[in-house]
Amino acid sequence: MNHYSIKGYKRITKSIARKLWNSNWNSNTELVLCPCKLMPFTEWHNERIVTMQDHEMEHSFDAMVNNFTYYNCQYNETGYYPSFYMKELQ
């Protein structure tokens, strides 16, 4: 996994994203999913920003990731799995 930051978001692993999902969310927590070969917040972006409202609507982390993967990560150009980003603490 490439470790880098972009526009205040740091790339994290899937296990850290799962822990963030299962922890107590507050109003300023954001988790970003993006296909692995694309960079979030660019012209060719295809990211999904998951907020507290999305967390309350989805039933599980795996269902959310599977839905994102099915619709956004199915081509060689984009990659076949999502990468995860979280907002860096100031």
PDB file of N, CA and C in Angstrom:
ATOM      1  N   MET A   1       0.844  -1.173   0.000  1.00  0.00           N
ATOM      2  CA  MET A   1       0.000   0.000   0.000  1.00  0.00           C
ATOM      3  C   MET A   1       0.891   1.237   0.000  1.00  0.00           C
ATOM      4  N   ASN A   2       0.559   2.179  -0.838  1.00  0.00           N
ATOM      5  CA  ASN A   2       1.265   3.455  -0.871  1.00  0.00           C
ATOM      6  C   ASN A   2       0.741   4.347   0.242  1.00  0.00           C
ATOM      7  N   HIS A   3       1.652   4.899   1.036  1.00  0.00           N
ATOM      8  CA  HIS A   3       1.265   5.795   2.128  1.00  0.00           C
ATOM      9  C   HIS A   3       1.440   7.230   1.657  1.00  0.00           C
ATOM     10  N   TYR A   4       0.355   7.942   1.530  1.00  0.00           N
ATOM     11  CA  TYR A   4       0.435   9.340   1.146  1.00  0.00           C
ATOM     12  C   TYR A   4      -0.806  10.072   1.617  1.00  0.00           C
ATOM     13  N   SER A   5      -0.732  11.373   1.579  1.00  0.00           N
ATOM     14  CA  SER A   5      -1.844  12.239   1.971  1.00  0.00           C
ATOM     15  C   SER A   5      -2.228  13.111   0.792  1.00  0.00           C
ATOM     16  N   ILE A   6      -3.501  13.438   0.709  1.00  0.00           N
ATOM     17  CA  ILE A   6      -3.979  14.332  -0.338  1.00  0.00           C
ATOM     18  C   ILE A   6      -5.112  15.168   0.243  1.00  0.00           C
ATOM     19  N   LYS A   7      -4.959  16.467   0.160  1.00  0.00           N
ATOM     20  CA  LYS A   7      -5.961  17.439   0.603  1.00  0.00           C
ATOM     21  C   LYS A   7      -6.469  17.169   2.014  1.00  0.00           C
ATOM     22  N   GLY A   8      -5.566  16.855   2.918  1.00  0.00           N
ATOM     23  CA  GLY A   8      -5.944  16.655   4.306  1.00  0.00           C
ATOM     24  C   GLY A   8      -6.466  15.272   4.637  1.00  0.00           C
ATOM     25  N   TYR A   9      -6.411  14.345   3.712  1.00  0.00           N
ATOM     26  CA  TYR A   9      -6.847  12.975   3.938  1.00  0.00           C
ATOM     27  C   TYR A   9      -5.652  12.045   3.824  1.00  0.00           C
ATOM     28  N   LYS A  10      -5.551  11.103   4.773  1.00  0.00           N
ATOM     29  CA  LYS A  10      -4.443  10.164   4.822  1.00  0.00           C
ATOM     30  C   LYS A  10      -4.934   8.781   4.432  1.00  0.00           C
ATOM     31  N   ARG A  11      -4.172   8.065   3.600  1.00  0.00           N
ATOM     32  CA  ARG A  11      -4.561   6.721   3.193  1.00  0.00           C
ATOM     33  C   ARG A  11      -4.363   5.764   4.361  1.00  0.00           C
ATOM     34  N   ILE A  12      -5.372   4.910   4.589  1.00  0.00           N
ATOM     35  CA  ILE A  12      -5.333   3.951   5.684  1.00  0.00           C
ATOM     36  C   ILE A  12      -5.648   2.562   5.143  1.00  0.00           C
ATOM     37  N   THR A  13      -5.422   1.554   5.956  1.00  0.00           N
ATOM     38  CA  THR A  13      -5.710   0.181   5.560  1.00  0.00           C
ATOM     39  C   THR A  13      -7.189  -0.142   5.783  1.00  0.00           C
ATOM     40  N   LYS A  14      -7.612  -1.260   5.225  1.00  0.00           N
ATOM     41  CA  LYS A  14      -8.997  -1.672   5.374  1.00  0.00           C
ATOM     42  C   LYS A  14      -9.318  -2.001   6.831  1.00  0.00           C
ATOM     43  N   SER A  15      -8.373  -2.586   7.549  1.00  0.00           N
ATOM     44  CA  SER A  15      -8.632  -2.929   8.946  1.00  0.00           C
ATOM     45  C   SER A  15      -8.805  -1.679   9.807  1.00  0.00           C
ATOM     46  N   ILE A  16      -8.033  -0.631   9.537  1.00  0.00           N
ATOM     47  CA  ILE A  16      -8.215   0.627  10.269  1.00  0.00           C
ATOM     48  C   ILE A  16      -9.550   1.263   9.900  1.00  0.00           C
ATOM     49  N   ALA A  17      -9.937   1.187   8.630  1.00  0.00           N
ATOM     50  CA  ALA A  17     -11.237   1.726   8.209  1.00  0.00           C
ATOM     51  C   ALA A  17     -12.373   0.968   8.890  1.00  0.00           C
ATOM     52  N   ARG A  18     -12.223  -0.347   9.039  1.00  0.00           N
ATOM     53  CA  ARG A  18     -13.249  -1.147   9.724  1.00  0.00           C
ATOM     54  C   ARG A  18     -13.355  -0.732  11.196  1.00  0.00           C
ATOM     55  N   LYS A  19     -12.219  -0.501  11.855  1.00  0.00           N
ATOM     56  CA  LYS A  19     -12.232  -0.060  13.250  1.00  0.00           C
ATOM     57  C   LYS A  19     -12.890   1.310  13.379  1.00  0.00           C
ATOM     58  N   LEU A  20     -12.606   2.199  12.423  1.00  0.00           N
ATOM     59  CA  LEU A  20     -13.239   3.519  12.431  1.00  0.00           C
ATOM     60  C   LEU A  20     -14.743   3.382  12.255  1.00  0.00           C
ATOM     61  N   TRP A  21     -15.187   2.498  11.370  1.00  0.00           N
ATOM     62  CA  TRP A  21     -16.608   2.265  11.127  1.00  0.00           C
ATOM     63  C   TRP A  21     -17.295   1.741  12.384  1.00  0.00           C
ATOM     64  N   ASN A  22     -16.630   0.822  13.103  1.00  0.00           N
ATOM     65  CA  ASN A  22     -17.234   0.206  14.283  1.00  0.00           C
ATOM     66  C   ASN A  22     -17.128   1.071  15.544  1.00  0.00           C
ATOM     67  N   SER A  23     -16.306   2.109  15.502  1.00  0.00           N
ATOM     68  CA  SER A  23     -16.169   2.978  16.670  1.00  0.00           C
ATOM     69  C   SER A  23     -17.315   3.976  16.723  1.00  0.00           C
ATOM     70  N   ASN A  24     -17.331   4.764  17.756  1.00  0.00           N
ATOM     71  CA  ASN A  24     -18.361   5.802  17.891  1.00  0.00           C
ATOM     72  C   ASN A  24     -18.042   6.947  16.945  1.00  0.00           C
ATOM     73  N   TRP A  25     -18.933   7.191  16.010  1.00  0.00           N
ATOM     74  CA  TRP A  25     -18.752   8.263  15.035  1.00  0.00           C
ATOM     75  C   TRP A  25     -19.207   9.573  15.640  1.00  0.00           C
ATOM     76  N   ASN A  26     -18.527  10.640  15.272  1.00  0.00           N
ATOM     77  CA  ASN A  26     -19.016  11.972  15.619  1.00  0.00           C
ATOM     78  C   ASN A  26     -19.261  12.744  14.333  1.00  0.00           C
ATOM     79  N   SER A  27     -19.722  13.945  14.437  1.00  0.00           N
ATOM     80  CA  SER A  27     -20.180  14.684  13.254  1.00  0.00           C
ATOM     81  C   SER A  27     -19.063  15.046  12.284  1.00  0.00           C
ATOM     82  N   ASN A  28     -17.806  15.121  12.732  1.00  0.00           N
ATOM     83  CA  ASN A  28     -16.748  15.528  11.809  1.00  0.00           C
ATOM     84  C   ASN A  28     -15.897  14.358  11.327  1.00  0.00           C
ATOM     85  N   THR A  29     -16.310  13.120  11.584  1.00  0.00           N
ATOM     86  CA  THR A  29     -15.583  11.956  11.095  1.00  0.00           C
ATOM     87  C   THR A  29     -15.985  11.687   9.652  1.00  0.00           C
ATOM     88  N   GLU A  30     -14.985  11.545   8.793  1.00  0.00           N
ATOM     89  CA  GLU A  30     -15.241  11.234   7.381  1.00  0.00           C
ATOM     90  C   GLU A  30     -14.320  10.112   6.949  1.00  0.00           C
ATOM     91  N   LEU A  31     -14.884   9.166   6.236  1.00  0.00           N
ATOM     92  CA  LEU A  31     -14.143   8.071   5.640  1.00  0.00           C
ATOM     93  C   LEU A  31     -14.365   8.168   4.140  1.00  0.00           C
ATOM     94  N   VAL A  32     -13.297   8.096   3.357  1.00  0.00           N
ATOM     95  CA  VAL A  32     -13.395   8.233   1.903  1.00  0.00           C
ATOM     96  C   VAL A  32     -12.976   6.933   1.256  1.00  0.00           C
ATOM     97  N   LEU A  33     -13.799   6.437   0.329  1.00  0.00           N
ATOM     98  CA  LEU A  33     -13.466   5.267  -0.472  1.00  0.00           C
ATOM     99  C   LEU A  33     -13.209   5.724  -1.890  1.00  0.00           C
ATOM    100  N   CYS A  34     -12.194   5.153  -2.520  1.00  0.00           N
ATOM    101  CA  CYS A  34     -11.834   5.500  -3.889  1.00  0.00           C
ATOM    102  C   CYS A  34     -11.233   4.259  -4.540  1.00  0.00           C
ATOM    103  N   PRO A  35     -11.485   4.006  -5.820  1.00  0.00           N
ATOM    104  CA  PRO A  35     -10.817   2.879  -6.479  1.00  0.00           C
ATOM    105  C   PRO A  35      -9.300   3.008  -6.357  1.00  0.00           C
ATOM    106  N   CYS A  36      -8.624   1.878  -6.225  1.00  0.00           N
ATOM    107  CA  CYS A  36      -7.211   1.888  -5.845  1.00  0.00           C
ATOM    108  C   CYS A  36      -6.293   2.564  -6.853  1.00  0.00           C
ATOM    109  N   LYS A  37      -6.627   2.596  -8.119  1.00  0.00           N
ATOM    110  CA  LYS A  37      -5.756   3.221  -9.112  1.00  0.00           C
ATOM    111  C   LYS A  37      -6.085   4.688  -9.368  1.00  0.00           C
ATOM    112  N   LEU A  38      -7.086   5.225  -8.685  1.00  0.00           N
ATOM    113  CA  LEU A  38      -7.455   6.630  -8.842  1.00  0.00           C
ATOM    114  C   LEU A  38      -7.134   7.393  -7.564  1.00  0.00           C
ATOM    115  N   MET A  39      -6.870   8.670  -7.717  1.00  0.00           N
ATOM    116  CA  MET A  39      -6.620   9.536  -6.568  1.00  0.00           C
ATOM    117  C   MET A  39      -7.914  10.277  -6.240  1.00  0.00           C
ATOM    118  N   PRO A  40      -8.282  10.365  -4.974  1.00  0.00           N
ATOM    119  CA  PRO A  40      -9.492  11.116  -4.624  1.00  0.00           C
ATOM    120  C   PRO A  40      -9.274  12.618  -4.789  1.00  0.00           C
ATOM    121  N   PHE A  41     -10.371  13.324  -5.000  1.00  0.00           N
ATOM    122  CA  PHE A  41     -10.401  14.783  -5.099  1.00  0.00           C
ATOM    123  C   PHE A  41      -9.575  15.298  -6.279  1.00  0.00           C
ATOM    124  N   THR A  42      -9.592  14.589  -7.391  1.00  0.00           N
ATOM    125  CA  THR A  42      -8.958  15.042  -8.624  1.00  0.00           C
ATOM    126  C   THR A  42     -10.017  15.094  -9.720  1.00  0.00           C
ATOM    127  N   GLU A  43      -9.594  15.439 -10.942  1.00  0.00           N
ATOM    128  CA  GLU A  43     -10.552  15.528 -12.040  1.00  0.00           C
ATOM    129  C   GLU A  43     -11.200  14.180 -12.335  1.00  0.00           C
ATOM    130  N   TRP A  44     -10.462  13.091 -12.194  1.00  0.00           N
ATOM    131  CA  TRP A  44     -10.966  11.757 -12.531  1.00  0.00           C
ATOM    132  C   TRP A  44     -11.452  11.031 -11.284  1.00  0.00           C
ATOM    133  N   HIS A  45     -11.921  11.788 -10.319  1.00  0.00           N
ATOM    134  CA  HIS A  45     -12.302  11.179  -9.053  1.00  0.00           C
ATOM    135  C   HIS A  45     -13.552  10.330  -9.185  1.00  0.00           C
ATOM    136  N   ASN A  46     -13.611   9.342  -8.356  1.00  0.00           N
ATOM    137  CA  ASN A  46     -14.780   8.478  -8.267  1.00  0.00           C
ATOM    138  C   ASN A  46     -14.948   8.062  -6.809  1.00  0.00           C
ATOM    139  N   GLU A  47     -14.698   9.020  -5.908  1.00  0.00           N
ATOM    140  CA  GLU A  47     -14.699   8.674  -4.495  1.00  0.00           C
ATOM    141  C   GLU A  47     -16.089   8.751  -3.884  1.00  0.00           C
ATOM    142  N   ARG A  48     -16.220   8.133  -2.739  1.00  0.00           N
ATOM    143  CA  ARG A  48     -17.450   8.225  -1.956  1.00  0.00           C
ATOM    144  C   ARG A  48     -17.054   8.648  -0.556  1.00  0.00           C
ATOM    145  N   ILE A  49     -17.622   9.738  -0.087  1.00  0.00           N
ATOM    146  CA  ILE A  49     -17.356  10.221   1.261  1.00  0.00           C
ATOM    147  C   ILE A  49     -18.447   9.672   2.170  1.00  0.00           C
ATOM    148  N   VAL A  50     -18.033   8.894   3.161  1.00  0.00           N
ATOM    149  CA  VAL A  50     -18.963   8.281   4.096  1.00  0.00           C
ATOM    150  C   VAL A  50     -18.985   9.129   5.364  1.00  0.00           C
ATOM    151  N   THR A  51     -20.159   9.616   5.719  1.00  0.00           N
ATOM    152  CA  THR A  51     -20.324  10.446   6.911  1.00  0.00           C
ATOM    153  C   THR A  51     -21.155   9.700   7.956  1.00  0.00           C
ATOM    154  N   MET A  52     -21.472  10.384   9.041  1.00  0.00           N
ATOM    155  CA  MET A  52     -22.238   9.768  10.114  1.00  0.00           C
ATOM    156  C   MET A  52     -23.632   9.351   9.630  1.00  0.00           C
ATOM    157  N   GLN A  53     -24.242  10.120   8.743  1.00  0.00           N
ATOM    158  CA  GLN A  53     -25.570   9.773   8.239  1.00  0.00           C
ATOM    159  C   GLN A  53     -25.529   8.490   7.421  1.00  0.00           C
ATOM    160  N   ASP A  54     -24.482   8.315   6.602  1.00  0.00           N
ATOM    161  CA  ASP A  54     -24.335   7.072   5.834  1.00  0.00           C
ATOM    162  C   ASP A  54     -24.093   5.902   6.771  1.00  0.00           C
ATOM    163  N   HIS A  55     -23.357   6.153   7.838  1.00  0.00           N
ATOM    164  CA  HIS A  55     -23.064   5.101   8.813  1.00  0.00           C
ATOM    165  C   HIS A  55     -24.346   4.583   9.454  1.00  0.00           C
ATOM    166  N   GLU A  56     -25.271   5.481   9.717  1.00  0.00           N
ATOM    167  CA  GLU A  56     -26.538   5.081  10.328  1.00  0.00           C
ATOM    168  C   GLU A  56     -27.434   4.341   9.339  1.00  0.00           C
ATOM    169  N   MET A  57     -27.312   4.612   8.037  1.00  0.00           N
ATOM    170  CA  MET A  57     -28.160   3.976   7.040  1.00  0.00           C
ATOM    171  C   MET A  57     -27.657   2.588   6.650  1.00  0.00           C
ATOM    172  N   GLU A  58     -26.352   2.394   6.566  1.00  0.00           N
ATOM    173  CA  GLU A  58     -25.782   1.109   6.175  1.00  0.00           C
ATOM    174  C   GLU A  58     -25.828   0.138   7.354  1.00  0.00           C
ATOM    175  N   HIS A  59     -25.944  -1.138   7.035  1.00  0.00           N
ATOM    176  CA  HIS A  59     -26.020  -2.135   8.097  1.00  0.00           C
ATOM    177  C   HIS A  59     -24.647  -2.619   8.545  1.00  0.00           C
ATOM    178  N   SER A  60     -23.715  -2.752   7.628  1.00  0.00           N
ATOM    179  CA  SER A  60     -22.401  -3.242   8.018  1.00  0.00           C
ATOM    180  C   SER A  60     -21.324  -2.634   7.123  1.00  0.00           C
ATOM    181  N   PHE A  61     -20.114  -2.686   7.608  1.00  0.00           N
ATOM    182  CA  PHE A  61     -18.962  -2.194   6.856  1.00  0.00           C
ATOM    183  C   PHE A  61     -18.774  -3.003   5.576  1.00  0.00           C
ATOM    184  N   ASP A  62     -18.897  -4.315   5.683  1.00  0.00           N
ATOM    185  CA  ASP A  62     -18.687  -5.175   4.515  1.00  0.00           C
ATOM    186  C   ASP A  62     -19.727  -4.922   3.427  1.00  0.00           C
ATOM    187  N   ALA A  63     -20.979  -4.673   3.808  1.00  0.00           N
ATOM    188  CA  ALA A  63     -22.013  -4.387   2.815  1.00  0.00           C
ATOM    189  C   ALA A  63     -21.713  -3.075   2.092  1.00  0.00           C
ATOM    190  N   MET A  64     -21.260  -2.078   2.829  1.00  0.00           N
ATOM    191  CA  MET A  64     -20.922  -0.790   2.219  1.00  0.00           C
ATOM    192  C   MET A  64     -19.750  -0.942   1.244  1.00  0.00           C
ATOM    193  N   VAL A  65     -18.704  -1.655   1.665  1.00  0.00           N
ATOM    194  CA  VAL A  65     -17.529  -1.853   0.809  1.00  0.00           C
ATOM    195  C   VAL A  65     -17.884  -2.696  -0.415  1.00  0.00           C
ATOM    196  N   ASN A  66     -18.686  -3.727  -0.233  1.00  0.00           N
ATOM    197  CA  ASN A  66     -19.088  -4.569  -1.367  1.00  0.00           C
ATOM    198  C   ASN A  66     -19.915  -3.786  -2.387  1.00  0.00           C
ATOM    199  N   ASN A  67     -20.817  -2.934  -1.917  1.00  0.00           N
ATOM    200  CA  ASN A  67     -21.601  -2.107  -2.836  1.00  0.00           C
ATOM    201  C   ASN A  67     -20.705  -1.148  -3.612  1.00  0.00           C
ATOM    202  N   PHE A  68     -19.775  -0.502  -2.936  1.00  0.00           N
ATOM    203  CA  PHE A  68     -18.859   0.411  -3.607  1.00  0.00           C
ATOM    204  C   PHE A  68     -17.995  -0.333  -4.618  1.00  0.00           C
ATOM    205  N   THR A  69     -17.484  -1.487  -4.235  1.00  0.00           N
ATOM    206  CA  THR A  69     -16.620  -2.274  -5.120  1.00  0.00           C
ATOM    207  C   THR A  69     -17.385  -2.729  -6.358  1.00  0.00           C
ATOM    208  N   TYR A  70     -18.615  -3.184  -6.183  1.00  0.00           N
ATOM    209  CA  TYR A  70     -19.408  -3.683  -7.308  1.00  0.00           C
ATOM    210  C   TYR A  70     -19.653  -2.601  -8.354  1.00  0.00           C
ATOM    211  N   TYR A  71     -19.952  -1.391  -7.917  1.00  0.00           N
ATOM    212  CA  TYR A  71     -20.306  -0.332  -8.853  1.00  0.00           C
ATOM    213  C   TYR A  71     -19.125   0.506  -9.338  1.00  0.00           C
ATOM    214  N   ASN A  72     -18.010   0.534  -8.611  1.00  0.00           N
ATOM    215  CA  ASN A  72     -16.932   1.458  -8.956  1.00  0.00           C
ATOM    216  C   ASN A  72     -15.589   0.808  -9.244  1.00  0.00           C
ATOM    217  N   CYS A  73     -15.381  -0.417  -8.858  1.00  0.00           N
ATOM    218  CA  CYS A  73     -14.062  -1.051  -8.984  1.00  0.00           C
ATOM    219  C   CYS A  73     -14.151  -2.298  -9.855  1.00  0.00           C
ATOM    220  N   GLN A  74     -14.499  -2.125 -11.110  1.00  0.00           N
ATOM    221  CA  GLN A  74     -14.674  -3.295 -11.957  1.00  0.00           C
ATOM    222  C   GLN A  74     -13.886  -3.245 -13.265  1.00  0.00           C
ATOM    223  N   TYR A  75     -13.005  -2.273 -13.409  1.00  0.00           N
ATOM    224  CA  TYR A  75     -12.235  -2.140 -14.638  1.00  0.00           C
ATOM    225  C   TYR A  75     -10.753  -2.093 -14.334  1.00  0.00           C
ATOM    226  N   ASN A  76      -9.951  -2.500 -15.288  1.00  0.00           N
ATOM    227  CA  ASN A  76      -8.506  -2.487 -15.122  1.00  0.00           C
ATOM    228  C   ASN A  76      -7.990  -1.064 -14.931  1.00  0.00           C
ATOM    229  N   GLU A  77      -8.617  -0.085 -15.548  1.00  0.00           N
ATOM    230  CA  GLU A  77      -8.161   1.301 -15.444  1.00  0.00           C
ATOM    231  C   GLU A  77      -8.370   1.886 -14.045  1.00  0.00           C
ATOM    232  N   THR A  78      -9.427   1.451 -13.361  1.00  0.00           N
ATOM    233  CA  THR A  78      -9.706   1.993 -12.038  1.00  0.00           C
ATOM    234  C   THR A  78      -9.148   1.126 -10.923  1.00  0.00           C
ATOM    235  N   GLY A  79      -9.014  -0.147 -11.155  1.00  0.00           N
ATOM    236  CA  GLY A  79      -8.579  -1.083 -10.122  1.00  0.00           C
ATOM    237  C   GLY A  79      -9.756  -1.903  -9.643  1.00  0.00           C
ATOM    238  N   TYR A  80      -9.459  -3.009  -9.000  1.00  0.00           N
ATOM    239  CA  TYR A  80     -10.499  -3.954  -8.613  1.00  0.00           C
ATOM    240  C   TYR A  80     -10.828  -3.958  -7.126  1.00  0.00           C
ATOM    241  N   TYR A  81     -10.252  -3.027  -6.366  1.00  0.00           N
ATOM    242  CA  TYR A  81     -10.570  -2.937  -4.945  1.00  0.00           C
ATOM    243  C   TYR A  81     -10.484  -1.476  -4.516  1.00  0.00           C
ATOM    244  N   PRO A  82     -11.168  -1.122  -3.419  1.00  0.00           N
ATOM    245  CA  PRO A  82     -11.139   0.280  -2.979  1.00  0.00           C
ATOM    246  C   PRO A  82      -9.937   0.574  -2.088  1.00  0.00           C
ATOM    247  N   SER A  83      -9.537   1.823  -2.085  1.00  0.00           N
ATOM    248  CA  SER A  83      -8.565   2.314  -1.105  1.00  0.00           C
ATOM    249  C   SER A  83      -9.341   3.220  -0.153  1.00  0.00           C
ATOM    250  N   PHE A  84      -8.851   3.338   1.064  1.00  0.00           N
ATOM    251  CA  PHE A  84      -9.553   4.049   2.126  1.00  0.00           C
ATOM    252  C   PHE A  84      -8.729   5.232   2.593  1.00  0.00           C
ATOM    253  N   TYR A  85      -9.412   6.324   2.885  1.00  0.00           N
ATOM    254  CA  TYR A  85      -8.770   7.546   3.381  1.00  0.00           C
ATOM    255  C   TYR A  85      -9.565   8.078   4.556  1.00  0.00           C
ATOM    256  N   MET A  86      -8.867   8.673   5.517  1.00  0.00           N
ATOM    257  CA  MET A  86      -9.545   9.345   6.619  1.00  0.00           C
ATOM    258  C   MET A  86      -8.962  10.734   6.780  1.00  0.00           C
ATOM    259  N   LYS A  87      -9.760  11.634   7.325  1.00  0.00           N
ATOM    260  CA  LYS A  87      -9.323  13.011   7.511  1.00  0.00           C
ATOM    261  C   LYS A  87      -8.230  13.043   8.567  1.00  0.00           C
ATOM    262  N   GLU A  88      -7.127  13.736   8.242  1.00  0.00           N
ATOM    263  CA  GLU A  88      -6.022  13.835   9.169  1.00  0.00           C
ATOM    264  C   GLU A  88      -6.384  14.764  10.310  1.00  0.00           C
ATOM    265  N   LEU A  89      -5.926  14.423  11.490  1.00  0.00           N
ATOM    266  CA  LEU A  89      -6.165  15.274  12.653  1.00  0.00           C
ATOM    267  C   LEU A  89      -5.245  16.482  12.575  1.00  0.00           C
ATOM    268  N   GLN A  90      -5.769  17.628  12.929  1.00  0.00           N
ATOM    269  CA  GLN A  90      -4.995  18.863  12.866  1.00  0.00           C
ATOM    270  C   GLN A  90      -4.186  19.051  14.107  1.00  0.00           C
TER     271      GLN A  90
END
